[in-house]
Amino acid sequence: MHIGLIGGIGLGATEFYYRSLVTSFAERGTPLHLTIAHADVVVETANLLADDRAAQAAIFAAHTRQLAGAGAECVVIPSVAGHFCIGEFEALSTLPPVNLLDAVAAEVAARGLKRLGVIGTRTVMASRFYDRLPGVAIVPPPGTELDAVHDAYIKIALSGAAGDAERAFFDRMGQRLIKEQGCEAVLLGGTDLSLVYRTHAADFPHLHCAAIHVAAIVQRAG
């Protein structure tokens, strides 16, 4: 299956998906057919913060038509935050999306988890992962920590870079959700967290949403 990827939202997430897909298909001994269309992370972030779902869905739909013209048979939004408009986008898309939220929901159900923390953008955290995990308590960072996590995440998404200070910050937030909020694990609910945990996994129990999504894409592509 020819995969269409809407890249650029942000750069770190796009790189993670590209590398992961190349590696996964090589391990399977299967040729990878992939086309990437470049979207604008600044515009996507502005629409996210304004909750302008119609505008961003239309942008994604335009990129999808571009990908379809290149021969893609499915489309991927490599961004948890970008799924804020997934309903509106699915109604416009000329290609079937591989939905990250559905992939994560299936993984959570398979593991039998009932209380999860979440870190990512304000939209992802405040919406309890878009209310897509029924029967599961989704716990965001409390109080002003939610805003601090959002600000730190947006900085990474826009810059495409993360270092030791960012890793220490997100490690601290994740550990507090486990130790102080009684969470079984923490959803890494932002695909650009792949930059933070590029070389070492998070040191708290977690579900890497981007990695789960990649596995679903590979399975879908056969």
N, C-alpha and C. Protein backbone atom coordinates (compact mmCIF):
# COMPACT_ATOMS: atom_id res chain seq x y z
N MET A 1 0.85 -1.20 0.00
CA MET A 1 0.00 0.00 0.00
C MET A 1 0.87 1.24 0.00
N HIS A 2 0.51 2.19 -0.83
CA HIS A 2 1.22 3.46 -0.91
C HIS A 2 0.69 4.39 0.20
N ILE A 3 1.58 4.80 1.11
CA ILE A 3 1.22 5.61 2.27
C ILE A 3 1.43 7.08 1.96
N GLY A 4 0.45 7.90 2.27
CA GLY A 4 0.58 9.34 2.15
C GLY A 4 0.72 9.95 3.54
N LEU A 5 1.78 10.69 3.77
CA LEU A 5 2.07 11.28 5.08
C LEU A 5 2.01 12.80 4.98
N ILE A 6 1.21 13.43 5.84
CA ILE A 6 1.18 14.89 5.90
C ILE A 6 2.24 15.32 6.90
N GLY A 7 3.38 15.75 6.38
CA GLY A 7 4.52 16.06 7.25
C GLY A 7 4.58 17.52 7.64
N GLY A 8 5.61 17.83 8.42
CA GLY A 8 5.88 19.21 8.80
C GLY A 8 5.22 19.69 10.06
N ILE A 9 4.39 18.84 10.72
CA ILE A 9 3.60 19.30 11.88
C ILE A 9 3.89 18.45 13.14
N GLY A 10 5.07 18.50 13.73
CA GLY A 10 6.21 19.30 13.35
C GLY A 10 7.30 18.45 12.71
N LEU A 11 8.47 19.04 12.62
CA LEU A 11 9.57 18.41 11.92
C LEU A 11 10.05 17.16 12.64
N GLY A 12 10.12 17.22 13.97
CA GLY A 12 10.58 16.06 14.74
C GLY A 12 9.66 14.87 14.58
N ALA A 13 8.37 15.13 14.58
CA ALA A 13 7.40 14.05 14.41
C ALA A 13 7.51 13.44 13.02
N THR A 14 7.67 14.28 12.01
CA THR A 14 7.80 13.78 10.64
C THR A 14 9.02 12.88 10.51
N GLU A 15 10.13 13.32 11.09
CA GLU A 15 11.35 12.52 11.03
C GLU A 15 11.15 11.19 11.75
N PHE A 16 10.48 11.21 12.90
CA PHE A 16 10.24 9.97 13.65
C PHE A 16 9.43 8.99 12.81
N TYR A 17 8.37 9.46 12.21
CA TYR A 17 7.52 8.57 11.39
C TYR A 17 8.31 8.03 10.19
N TYR A 18 9.04 8.89 9.53
CA TYR A 18 9.79 8.46 8.35
C TYR A 18 10.81 7.39 8.71
N ARG A 19 11.61 7.66 9.74
CA ARG A 19 12.62 6.68 10.15
C ARG A 19 11.98 5.38 10.62
N SER A 20 10.91 5.50 11.39
CA SER A 20 10.25 4.31 11.93
C SER A 20 9.64 3.46 10.82
N LEU A 21 9.03 4.11 9.84
CA LEU A 21 8.43 3.36 8.74
C LEU A 21 9.51 2.69 7.88
N VAL A 22 10.59 3.40 7.61
CA VAL A 22 11.68 2.80 6.85
C VAL A 22 12.22 1.57 7.57
N THR A 23 12.44 1.71 8.88
CA THR A 23 12.97 0.59 9.66
C THR A 23 11.99 -0.58 9.71
N SER A 24 10.72 -0.28 9.95
CA SER A 24 9.71 -1.33 10.07
C SER A 24 9.56 -2.13 8.77
N PHE A 25 9.53 -1.43 7.65
CA PHE A 25 9.37 -2.13 6.38
C PHE A 25 10.63 -2.91 6.01
N ALA A 26 11.80 -2.37 6.38
CA ALA A 26 13.05 -3.10 6.12
C ALA A 26 13.09 -4.39 6.93
N GLU A 27 12.63 -4.33 8.19
CA GLU A 27 12.61 -5.53 9.02
C GLU A 27 11.68 -6.59 8.46
N ARG A 28 10.61 -6.15 7.81
CA ARG A 28 9.65 -7.08 7.21
C ARG A 28 10.09 -7.57 5.82
N GLY A 29 11.13 -6.93 5.30
CA GLY A 29 11.56 -7.28 3.96
C GLY A 29 10.57 -6.87 2.90
N THR A 30 9.84 -5.79 3.18
CA THR A 30 8.78 -5.32 2.29
C THR A 30 9.13 -3.92 1.77
N PRO A 31 8.96 -3.65 0.48
CA PRO A 31 9.24 -2.31 -0.04
C PRO A 31 8.29 -1.28 0.59
N LEU A 32 8.82 -0.13 0.89
CA LEU A 32 8.01 0.96 1.43
C LEU A 32 7.64 1.91 0.30
N HIS A 33 6.34 2.14 0.12
CA HIS A 33 5.85 3.13 -0.84
C HIS A 33 5.28 4.29 -0.04
N LEU A 34 5.97 5.42 -0.08
CA LEU A 34 5.63 6.56 0.79
C LEU A 34 5.83 7.86 0.06
N THR A 35 4.84 8.75 0.20
CA THR A 35 4.97 10.13 -0.28
C THR A 35 4.63 11.06 0.87
N ILE A 36 5.43 12.11 1.03
CA ILE A 36 5.22 13.09 2.11
C ILE A 36 4.85 14.44 1.51
N ALA A 37 3.74 15.00 2.00
CA ALA A 37 3.36 16.37 1.66
C ALA A 37 3.70 17.26 2.85
N HIS A 38 4.20 18.44 2.58
CA HIS A 38 4.65 19.31 3.68
C HIS A 38 3.58 20.32 4.07
N ALA A 39 3.17 20.25 5.34
CA ALA A 39 2.24 21.23 5.91
C ALA A 39 3.01 22.22 6.78
N ASP A 40 2.37 23.30 7.16
CA ASP A 40 3.01 24.39 7.91
C ASP A 40 2.67 24.26 9.39
N VAL A 41 3.67 23.98 10.23
CA VAL A 41 3.42 23.79 11.65
C VAL A 41 2.94 25.07 12.32
N VAL A 42 3.37 26.23 11.83
CA VAL A 42 2.93 27.49 12.44
C VAL A 42 1.44 27.70 12.20
N VAL A 43 1.00 27.44 10.97
CA VAL A 43 -0.42 27.58 10.65
C VAL A 43 -1.24 26.54 11.42
N GLU A 44 -0.75 25.30 11.45
CA GLU A 44 -1.47 24.24 12.17
C GLU A 44 -1.58 24.56 13.66
N THR A 45 -0.51 25.08 14.24
CA THR A 45 -0.54 25.43 15.67
C THR A 45 -1.52 26.56 15.93
N ALA A 46 -1.55 27.56 15.05
CA ALA A 46 -2.49 28.68 15.21
C ALA A 46 -3.92 28.18 15.13
N ASN A 47 -4.22 27.29 14.19
CA ASN A 47 -5.57 26.74 14.08
C ASN A 47 -5.92 25.88 15.29
N LEU A 48 -4.94 25.13 15.79
CA LEU A 48 -5.16 24.32 16.98
C LEU A 48 -5.52 25.20 18.17
N LEU A 49 -4.75 26.25 18.40
CA LEU A 49 -4.99 27.11 19.55
C LEU A 49 -6.31 27.87 19.42
N ALA A 50 -6.72 28.15 18.19
CA ALA A 50 -8.00 28.83 17.95
C ALA A 50 -9.15 27.85 17.86
N ASP A 51 -8.86 26.55 17.91
CA ASP A 51 -9.85 25.48 17.73
C ASP A 51 -10.60 25.66 16.41
N ASP A 52 -9.87 26.08 15.38
CA ASP A 52 -10.47 26.27 14.06
C ASP A 52 -10.35 24.94 13.30
N ARG A 53 -11.26 24.06 13.58
CA ARG A 53 -11.21 22.71 13.01
C ARG A 53 -11.49 22.73 11.51
N ALA A 54 -12.43 23.55 11.10
CA ALA A 54 -12.79 23.60 9.68
C ALA A 54 -11.60 24.05 8.83
N ALA A 55 -10.89 25.07 9.30
CA ALA A 55 -9.76 25.59 8.52
C ALA A 55 -8.66 24.55 8.39
N GLN A 56 -8.33 23.88 9.51
CA GLN A 56 -7.24 22.91 9.45
C GLN A 56 -7.65 21.66 8.68
N ALA A 57 -8.90 21.24 8.81
CA ALA A 57 -9.38 20.08 8.04
C ALA A 57 -9.29 20.36 6.55
N ALA A 58 -9.61 21.59 6.15
CA ALA A 58 -9.53 21.94 4.73
C ALA A 58 -8.09 21.90 4.24
N ILE A 59 -7.16 22.34 5.09
CA ILE A 59 -5.74 22.28 4.73
C ILE A 59 -5.29 20.84 4.58
N PHE A 60 -5.65 20.00 5.55
CA PHE A 60 -5.30 18.59 5.46
C PHE A 60 -5.92 17.94 4.22
N ALA A 61 -7.14 18.32 3.91
CA ALA A 61 -7.83 17.76 2.74
C ALA A 61 -7.10 18.14 1.45
N ALA A 62 -6.60 19.37 1.39
CA ALA A 62 -5.85 19.80 0.20
C ALA A 62 -4.57 18.99 0.05
N HIS A 63 -3.86 18.77 1.15
CA HIS A 63 -2.65 17.95 1.09
C HIS A 63 -2.99 16.51 0.71
N THR A 64 -4.13 16.04 1.16
CA THR A 64 -4.54 14.68 0.83
C THR A 64 -4.80 14.52 -0.66
N ARG A 65 -5.39 15.53 -1.27
CA ARG A 65 -5.60 15.48 -2.72
C ARG A 65 -4.25 15.44 -3.45
N GLN A 66 -3.29 16.18 -2.93
CA GLN A 66 -1.94 16.14 -3.49
C GLN A 66 -1.35 14.74 -3.38
N LEU A 67 -1.52 14.12 -2.22
CA LEU A 67 -0.99 12.77 -2.00
C LEU A 67 -1.70 11.74 -2.87
N ALA A 68 -3.02 11.90 -2.99
CA ALA A 68 -3.78 10.99 -3.85
C ALA A 68 -3.29 11.10 -5.30
N GLY A 69 -2.98 12.31 -5.72
CA GLY A 69 -2.47 12.50 -7.06
C GLY A 69 -1.13 11.83 -7.28
N ALA A 70 -0.37 11.65 -6.17
CA ALA A 70 0.92 10.97 -6.26
C ALA A 70 0.77 9.46 -6.15
N GLY A 71 -0.47 8.99 -5.97
CA GLY A 71 -0.71 7.55 -5.92
C GLY A 71 -0.94 6.98 -4.55
N ALA A 72 -0.99 7.82 -3.52
CA ALA A 72 -1.21 7.31 -2.15
C ALA A 72 -2.58 6.66 -2.03
N GLU A 73 -2.65 5.63 -1.19
CA GLU A 73 -3.89 4.89 -0.99
C GLU A 73 -4.47 5.07 0.41
N CYS A 74 -3.71 5.67 1.30
CA CYS A 74 -4.21 6.04 2.63
C CYS A 74 -3.46 7.29 3.05
N VAL A 75 -3.96 7.97 4.08
CA VAL A 75 -3.32 9.20 4.53
C VAL A 75 -3.09 9.15 6.04
N VAL A 76 -1.98 9.74 6.46
CA VAL A 76 -1.58 9.74 7.87
C VAL A 76 -1.32 11.17 8.32
N ILE A 77 -1.94 11.56 9.43
CA ILE A 77 -1.60 12.80 10.12
C ILE A 77 -0.68 12.41 11.27
N PRO A 78 0.62 12.67 11.17
CA PRO A 78 1.57 12.22 12.19
C PRO A 78 1.65 13.19 13.37
N SER A 79 0.51 13.39 14.00
CA SER A 79 0.42 14.37 15.07
C SER A 79 -0.81 14.08 15.93
N VAL A 80 -0.60 13.90 17.23
CA VAL A 80 -1.74 13.74 18.14
C VAL A 80 -2.55 15.03 18.14
N ALA A 81 -1.86 16.15 18.27
CA ALA A 81 -2.55 17.44 18.29
C ALA A 81 -3.33 17.67 16.99
N GLY A 82 -2.75 17.23 15.86
CA GLY A 82 -3.41 17.41 14.58
C GLY A 82 -4.72 16.67 14.46
N HIS A 83 -4.94 15.70 15.33
CA HIS A 83 -6.21 14.96 15.32
C HIS A 83 -7.35 15.74 15.98
N PHE A 84 -7.10 16.99 16.37
CA PHE A 84 -8.18 17.79 16.96
C PHE A 84 -9.31 18.01 15.96
N CYS A 85 -8.99 17.89 14.66
CA CYS A 85 -10.01 18.10 13.62
C CYS A 85 -10.26 16.82 12.84
N ILE A 86 -9.99 15.66 13.44
CA ILE A 86 -10.06 14.42 12.69
C ILE A 86 -11.47 14.15 12.16
N GLY A 87 -12.51 14.48 12.92
CA GLY A 87 -13.87 14.27 12.44
C GLY A 87 -14.16 15.08 11.20
N GLU A 88 -13.80 16.35 11.25
CA GLU A 88 -14.02 17.24 10.10
C GLU A 88 -13.17 16.80 8.90
N PHE A 89 -11.95 16.36 9.19
CA PHE A 89 -11.06 15.93 8.11
C PHE A 89 -11.57 14.65 7.45
N GLU A 90 -12.00 13.68 8.23
CA GLU A 90 -12.50 12.42 7.67
C GLU A 90 -13.67 12.66 6.72
N ALA A 91 -14.48 13.68 7.02
CA ALA A 91 -15.62 13.99 6.16
C ALA A 91 -15.18 14.58 4.81
N LEU A 92 -13.97 15.14 4.75
CA LEU A 92 -13.49 15.78 3.52
C LEU A 92 -12.46 14.94 2.77
N SER A 93 -11.81 14.03 3.47
CA SER A 93 -10.65 13.35 2.91
C SER A 93 -11.01 12.46 1.72
N THR A 94 -10.18 12.54 0.68
CA THR A 94 -10.36 11.67 -0.49
C THR A 94 -9.65 10.33 -0.31
N LEU A 95 -8.91 10.19 0.79
CA LEU A 95 -8.23 8.94 1.12
C LEU A 95 -8.62 8.50 2.52
N PRO A 96 -8.63 7.20 2.82
CA PRO A 96 -8.94 6.75 4.18
C PRO A 96 -7.80 7.06 5.14
N PRO A 97 -8.06 7.79 6.22
CA PRO A 97 -7.01 8.08 7.19
C PRO A 97 -6.72 6.86 8.08
N VAL A 98 -5.46 6.75 8.49
CA VAL A 98 -5.10 5.80 9.55
C VAL A 98 -5.13 6.60 10.85
N ASN A 99 -6.18 6.39 11.64
CA ASN A 99 -6.50 7.25 12.77
C ASN A 99 -5.66 6.88 14.00
N LEU A 100 -4.84 7.81 14.46
CA LEU A 100 -4.00 7.59 15.64
C LEU A 100 -4.83 7.32 16.88
N LEU A 101 -5.92 8.05 17.05
CA LEU A 101 -6.74 7.91 18.26
C LEU A 101 -7.32 6.51 18.36
N ASP A 102 -7.76 5.96 17.24
CA ASP A 102 -8.30 4.60 17.24
C ASP A 102 -7.21 3.59 17.57
N ALA A 103 -6.00 3.80 17.04
CA ALA A 103 -4.89 2.88 17.30
C ALA A 103 -4.53 2.86 18.78
N VAL A 104 -4.48 4.04 19.39
CA VAL A 104 -4.13 4.12 20.81
C VAL A 104 -5.24 3.51 21.66
N ALA A 105 -6.50 3.77 21.30
CA ALA A 105 -7.63 3.20 22.05
C ALA A 105 -7.57 1.67 22.03
N ALA A 106 -7.23 1.10 20.88
CA ALA A 106 -7.13 -0.36 20.78
C ALA A 106 -6.00 -0.88 21.66
N GLU A 107 -4.88 -0.18 21.71
CA GLU A 107 -3.75 -0.61 22.53
C GLU A 107 -4.08 -0.53 24.02
N VAL A 108 -4.74 0.55 24.42
CA VAL A 108 -5.13 0.70 25.83
C VAL A 108 -6.09 -0.41 26.24
N ALA A 109 -7.05 -0.71 25.38
CA ALA A 109 -8.00 -1.78 25.68
C ALA A 109 -7.30 -3.12 25.79
N ALA A 110 -6.34 -3.37 24.89
CA ALA A 110 -5.62 -4.64 24.90
C ALA A 110 -4.82 -4.81 26.18
N ARG A 111 -4.33 -3.71 26.73
CA ARG A 111 -3.53 -3.78 27.95
C ARG A 111 -4.38 -3.74 29.22
N GLY A 112 -5.66 -3.42 29.06
CA GLY A 112 -6.54 -3.38 30.22
C GLY A 112 -6.26 -2.24 31.17
N LEU A 113 -5.74 -1.14 30.67
CA LEU A 113 -5.40 0.01 31.52
C LEU A 113 -6.64 0.83 31.84
N LYS A 114 -6.69 1.36 33.06
CA LYS A 114 -7.89 2.09 33.51
C LYS A 114 -7.60 3.50 34.02
N ARG A 115 -6.35 3.84 34.26
CA ARG A 115 -6.03 5.19 34.75
C ARG A 115 -4.70 5.63 34.12
N LEU A 116 -4.78 6.61 33.23
CA LEU A 116 -3.63 7.04 32.47
C LEU A 116 -3.40 8.55 32.63
N GLY A 117 -2.16 8.93 32.78
CA GLY A 117 -1.79 10.33 32.69
C GLY A 117 -1.63 10.69 31.22
N VAL A 118 -1.53 11.98 30.93
CA VAL A 118 -1.32 12.42 29.57
C VAL A 118 -0.50 13.70 29.56
N ILE A 119 0.47 13.77 28.65
CA ILE A 119 1.24 15.00 28.44
C ILE A 119 1.28 15.28 26.94
N GLY A 120 1.20 16.55 26.59
CA GLY A 120 1.17 16.97 25.19
C GLY A 120 0.72 18.41 25.11
N THR A 121 -0.08 18.75 24.10
CA THR A 121 -0.62 20.10 24.00
C THR A 121 -1.79 20.28 24.97
N ARG A 122 -2.15 21.53 25.20
CA ARG A 122 -3.29 21.82 26.08
C ARG A 122 -4.56 21.15 25.56
N THR A 123 -4.76 21.17 24.25
CA THR A 123 -5.96 20.58 23.67
C THR A 123 -6.05 19.09 23.98
N VAL A 124 -4.95 18.38 23.79
CA VAL A 124 -4.93 16.95 24.06
C VAL A 124 -5.15 16.66 25.54
N MET A 125 -4.49 17.43 26.40
CA MET A 125 -4.58 17.18 27.84
C MET A 125 -5.95 17.57 28.40
N ALA A 126 -6.41 18.78 28.06
CA ALA A 126 -7.67 19.27 28.62
C ALA A 126 -8.86 18.46 28.13
N SER A 127 -8.76 17.91 26.92
CA SER A 127 -9.87 17.12 26.37
C SER A 127 -9.82 15.66 26.81
N ARG A 128 -8.83 15.35 27.67
CA ARG A 128 -8.65 13.95 28.11
C ARG A 128 -8.48 13.05 26.89
N PHE A 129 -7.51 13.42 26.01
CA PHE A 129 -7.22 12.66 24.80
C PHE A 129 -8.46 12.60 23.92
N TYR A 130 -9.11 13.74 23.78
CA TYR A 130 -10.28 13.90 22.91
C TYR A 130 -11.44 12.98 23.33
N ASP A 131 -11.45 12.61 24.60
CA ASP A 131 -12.53 11.73 25.11
C ASP A 131 -12.67 10.46 24.28
N ARG A 132 -11.55 9.94 23.77
CA ARG A 132 -11.60 8.78 22.90
C ARG A 132 -11.26 7.47 23.64
N LEU A 133 -11.19 7.53 24.97
CA LEU A 133 -10.87 6.33 25.74
C LEU A 133 -11.95 6.10 26.80
N PRO A 134 -13.12 5.66 26.39
CA PRO A 134 -14.22 5.46 27.34
C PRO A 134 -13.87 4.40 28.37
N GLY A 135 -14.28 4.65 29.61
CA GLY A 135 -14.00 3.70 30.67
C GLY A 135 -12.61 3.83 31.25
N VAL A 136 -11.82 4.79 30.74
CA VAL A 136 -10.47 5.01 31.23
C VAL A 136 -10.38 6.42 31.81
N ALA A 137 -9.87 6.54 33.03
CA ALA A 137 -9.66 7.86 33.63
C ALA A 137 -8.39 8.45 33.04
N ILE A 138 -8.51 9.62 32.39
CA ILE A 138 -7.37 10.30 31.79
C ILE A 138 -7.03 11.51 32.66
N VAL A 139 -5.82 11.53 33.18
CA VAL A 139 -5.42 12.53 34.18
C VAL A 139 -4.35 13.46 33.60
N PRO A 140 -4.68 14.73 33.36
CA PRO A 140 -3.66 15.68 32.90
C PRO A 140 -2.85 16.22 34.07
N PRO A 141 -1.74 16.87 33.83
CA PRO A 141 -1.00 17.52 34.91
C PRO A 141 -1.90 18.53 35.62
N PRO A 142 -1.82 18.62 36.93
CA PRO A 142 -2.73 19.49 37.67
C PRO A 142 -2.33 20.96 37.62
N GLY A 143 -3.33 21.82 37.77
CA GLY A 143 -3.10 23.25 37.95
C GLY A 143 -2.26 23.88 36.86
N THR A 144 -1.31 24.70 37.29
CA THR A 144 -0.47 25.43 36.34
C THR A 144 0.51 24.52 35.61
N GLU A 145 0.67 23.29 36.09
CA GLU A 145 1.59 22.37 35.41
C GLU A 145 1.08 22.04 34.01
N LEU A 146 -0.22 22.04 33.81
CA LEU A 146 -0.77 21.78 32.48
C LEU A 146 -0.28 22.84 31.50
N ASP A 147 -0.33 24.11 31.91
CA ASP A 147 0.13 25.18 31.03
C ASP A 147 1.63 25.08 30.78
N ALA A 148 2.38 24.71 31.81
CA ALA A 148 3.83 24.58 31.66
C ALA A 148 4.18 23.47 30.68
N VAL A 149 3.46 22.35 30.75
CA VAL A 149 3.69 21.25 29.82
C VAL A 149 3.34 21.68 28.39
N HIS A 150 2.20 22.35 28.24
CA HIS A 150 1.79 22.83 26.91
C HIS A 150 2.85 23.75 26.32
N ASP A 151 3.29 24.73 27.10
CA ASP A 151 4.26 25.70 26.59
C ASP A 151 5.57 25.02 26.19
N ALA A 152 6.01 24.08 27.02
CA ALA A 152 7.26 23.36 26.72
C ALA A 152 7.10 22.53 25.46
N TYR A 153 5.93 21.94 25.30
CA TYR A 153 5.71 21.09 24.12
C TYR A 153 5.66 21.93 22.84
N ILE A 154 4.92 23.03 22.86
CA ILE A 154 4.80 23.88 21.67
C ILE A 154 6.17 24.41 21.25
N LYS A 155 7.00 24.73 22.22
CA LYS A 155 8.35 25.21 21.91
C LYS A 155 9.12 24.15 21.12
N ILE A 156 9.02 22.90 21.54
CA ILE A 156 9.70 21.81 20.84
C ILE A 156 9.11 21.62 19.44
N ALA A 157 7.79 21.63 19.34
CA ALA A 157 7.15 21.41 18.05
C ALA A 157 7.54 22.47 17.03
N LEU A 158 7.63 23.72 17.46
CA LEU A 158 7.95 24.80 16.54
C LEU A 158 9.43 24.84 16.19
N SER A 159 10.29 24.46 17.15
CA SER A 159 11.74 24.52 16.91
C SER A 159 12.29 23.25 16.29
N GLY A 160 11.62 22.12 16.52
CA GLY A 160 12.13 20.84 16.04
C GLY A 160 13.36 20.38 16.78
N ALA A 161 13.51 20.83 18.04
CA ALA A 161 14.70 20.46 18.81
C ALA A 161 14.35 20.30 20.28
N ALA A 162 15.07 19.39 20.94
CA ALA A 162 14.91 19.18 22.38
C ALA A 162 16.23 18.68 22.94
N GLY A 163 16.52 19.10 24.18
CA GLY A 163 17.79 18.71 24.81
C GLY A 163 17.58 18.14 26.19
N ASP A 164 18.64 18.15 26.98
CA ASP A 164 18.60 17.55 28.31
C ASP A 164 17.60 18.26 29.23
N ALA A 165 17.50 19.58 29.10
CA ALA A 165 16.59 20.32 29.97
C ALA A 165 15.14 19.92 29.70
N GLU A 166 14.80 19.76 28.44
CA GLU A 166 13.43 19.36 28.08
C GLU A 166 13.15 17.93 28.55
N ARG A 167 14.13 17.07 28.39
CA ARG A 167 13.95 15.69 28.84
C ARG A 167 13.73 15.64 30.35
N ALA A 168 14.53 16.39 31.10
CA ALA A 168 14.39 16.41 32.56
C ALA A 168 13.01 16.93 32.96
N PHE A 169 12.53 17.94 32.25
CA PHE A 169 11.21 18.50 32.56
C PHE A 169 10.11 17.48 32.33
N PHE A 170 10.09 16.86 31.17
CA PHE A 170 9.02 15.90 30.88
C PHE A 170 9.14 14.64 31.73
N ASP A 171 10.36 14.23 32.05
CA ASP A 171 10.53 13.11 32.99
C ASP A 171 9.88 13.45 34.33
N ARG A 172 10.12 14.66 34.80
CA ARG A 172 9.56 15.07 36.09
C ARG A 172 8.04 15.09 36.05
N MET A 173 7.46 15.61 34.97
CA MET A 173 6.01 15.65 34.85
C MET A 173 5.42 14.23 34.79
N GLY A 174 6.05 13.36 34.03
CA GLY A 174 5.56 12.00 33.92
C GLY A 174 5.64 11.24 35.24
N GLN A 175 6.74 11.40 35.93
CA GLN A 175 6.91 10.73 37.21
C GLN A 175 5.89 11.20 38.24
N ARG A 176 5.56 12.50 38.19
CA ARG A 176 4.58 13.02 39.15
C ARG A 176 3.18 12.46 38.87
N LEU A 177 2.85 12.28 37.60
CA LEU A 177 1.55 11.69 37.28
C LEU A 177 1.47 10.24 37.79
N ILE A 178 2.58 9.53 37.75
CA ILE A 178 2.60 8.16 38.26
C ILE A 178 2.56 8.14 39.78
N LYS A 179 3.43 8.90 40.40
CA LYS A 179 3.62 8.81 41.86
C LYS A 179 2.57 9.59 42.65
N GLU A 180 2.16 10.74 42.13
CA GLU A 180 1.25 11.60 42.89
C GLU A 180 -0.21 11.47 42.46
N GLN A 181 -0.45 11.08 41.20
CA GLN A 181 -1.82 10.99 40.70
C GLN A 181 -2.29 9.55 40.54
N GLY A 182 -1.44 8.60 40.87
CA GLY A 182 -1.85 7.19 40.84
C GLY A 182 -2.09 6.62 39.46
N CYS A 183 -1.43 7.17 38.45
CA CYS A 183 -1.64 6.66 37.08
C CYS A 183 -0.83 5.38 36.86
N GLU A 184 -1.41 4.48 36.06
CA GLU A 184 -0.72 3.24 35.72
C GLU A 184 0.38 3.48 34.69
N ALA A 185 0.16 4.42 33.82
CA ALA A 185 1.12 4.79 32.78
C ALA A 185 0.73 6.17 32.28
N VAL A 186 1.60 6.74 31.46
CA VAL A 186 1.37 8.09 30.93
C VAL A 186 1.36 8.02 29.40
N LEU A 187 0.33 8.60 28.80
CA LEU A 187 0.27 8.73 27.35
C LEU A 187 1.24 9.83 26.91
N LEU A 188 2.21 9.48 26.08
CA LEU A 188 3.03 10.51 25.44
C LEU A 188 2.18 11.06 24.30
N GLY A 189 1.33 12.03 24.67
CA GLY A 189 0.27 12.49 23.80
C GLY A 189 0.67 13.61 22.87
N GLY A 190 1.93 13.64 22.49
CA GLY A 190 2.42 14.59 21.51
C GLY A 190 3.51 13.92 20.70
N THR A 191 3.36 13.89 19.39
CA THR A 191 4.31 13.15 18.57
C THR A 191 5.71 13.75 18.60
N ASP A 192 5.82 15.05 18.87
CA ASP A 192 7.15 15.65 18.94
C ASP A 192 7.89 15.28 20.22
N LEU A 193 7.26 14.57 21.12
CA LEU A 193 7.99 14.02 22.27
C LEU A 193 8.99 12.96 21.82
N SER A 194 8.86 12.52 20.57
CA SER A 194 9.87 11.62 20.02
C SER A 194 11.24 12.29 19.98
N LEU A 195 11.27 13.62 19.91
CA LEU A 195 12.54 14.35 19.98
C LEU A 195 13.13 14.28 21.38
N VAL A 196 12.26 14.36 22.38
CA VAL A 196 12.71 14.32 23.78
C VAL A 196 13.29 12.95 24.10
N TYR A 197 12.61 11.91 23.58
CA TYR A 197 13.02 10.54 23.90
C TYR A 197 13.59 9.85 22.67
N ARG A 198 14.42 10.59 21.95
CA ARG A 198 15.02 10.08 20.71
C ARG A 198 15.98 8.92 20.98
N THR A 199 16.82 9.05 22.01
CA THR A 199 17.86 8.05 22.26
C THR A 199 17.57 7.16 23.46
N HIS A 200 16.76 7.64 24.38
CA HIS A 200 16.42 6.85 25.57
C HIS A 200 14.92 6.94 25.82
N ALA A 201 14.33 5.82 26.19
CA ALA A 201 12.90 5.81 26.51
C ALA A 201 12.65 6.60 27.79
N ALA A 202 11.42 7.08 27.94
CA ALA A 202 11.04 7.76 29.17
C ALA A 202 11.24 6.83 30.36
N ASP A 203 11.65 7.40 31.49
CA ASP A 203 11.95 6.56 32.66
C ASP A 203 10.75 6.40 33.58
N PHE A 204 9.55 6.47 33.03
CA PHE A 204 8.32 6.19 33.77
C PHE A 204 7.43 5.33 32.88
N PRO A 205 6.51 4.56 33.43
CA PRO A 205 5.63 3.75 32.59
C PRO A 205 4.86 4.64 31.61
N HIS A 206 4.85 4.25 30.34
CA HIS A 206 4.26 5.14 29.34
C HIS A 206 3.77 4.36 28.13
N LEU A 207 2.93 5.02 27.34
CA LEU A 207 2.53 4.54 26.03
C LEU A 207 2.97 5.59 25.01
N HIS A 208 3.81 5.18 24.09
CA HIS A 208 4.34 6.09 23.08
C HIS A 208 3.32 6.12 21.93
N CYS A 209 2.48 7.15 21.92
CA CYS A 209 1.36 7.18 20.97
C CYS A 209 1.82 7.17 19.53
N ALA A 210 2.92 7.87 19.22
CA ALA A 210 3.41 7.89 17.85
C ALA A 210 3.88 6.51 17.42
N ALA A 211 4.56 5.80 18.32
CA ALA A 211 5.04 4.45 17.98
C ALA A 211 3.86 3.49 17.77
N ILE A 212 2.83 3.63 18.58
CA ILE A 212 1.62 2.82 18.41
C ILE A 212 0.98 3.10 17.05
N HIS A 213 0.96 4.37 16.67
CA HIS A 213 0.39 4.77 15.39
C HIS A 213 1.20 4.17 14.24
N VAL A 214 2.51 4.24 14.33
CA VAL A 214 3.36 3.66 13.28
C VAL A 214 3.08 2.18 13.11
N ALA A 215 2.94 1.47 14.23
CA ALA A 215 2.62 0.03 14.15
C ALA A 215 1.30 -0.20 13.44
N ALA A 216 0.31 0.66 13.70
CA ALA A 216 -0.98 0.54 13.03
C ALA A 216 -0.87 0.81 11.53
N ILE A 217 -0.02 1.77 11.17
CA ILE A 217 0.18 2.09 9.74
C ILE A 217 0.82 0.88 9.03
N VAL A 218 1.82 0.30 9.67
CA VAL A 218 2.50 -0.86 9.08
C VAL A 218 1.52 -2.01 8.89
N GLN A 219 0.69 -2.23 9.91
CA GLN A 219 -0.30 -3.31 9.82
C GLN A 219 -1.30 -3.02 8.71
N ARG A 220 -1.74 -1.78 8.61
CA ARG A 220 -2.69 -1.39 7.58
C ARG A 220 -2.12 -1.58 6.18
N ALA A 221 -0.84 -1.26 6.06
CA ALA A 221 -0.20 -1.35 4.74
C ALA A 221 0.07 -2.78 4.33
N GLY A 222 -0.02 -3.69 5.31
CA GLY A 222 0.14 -5.10 4.98
C GLY A 222 1.58 -5.48 4.76
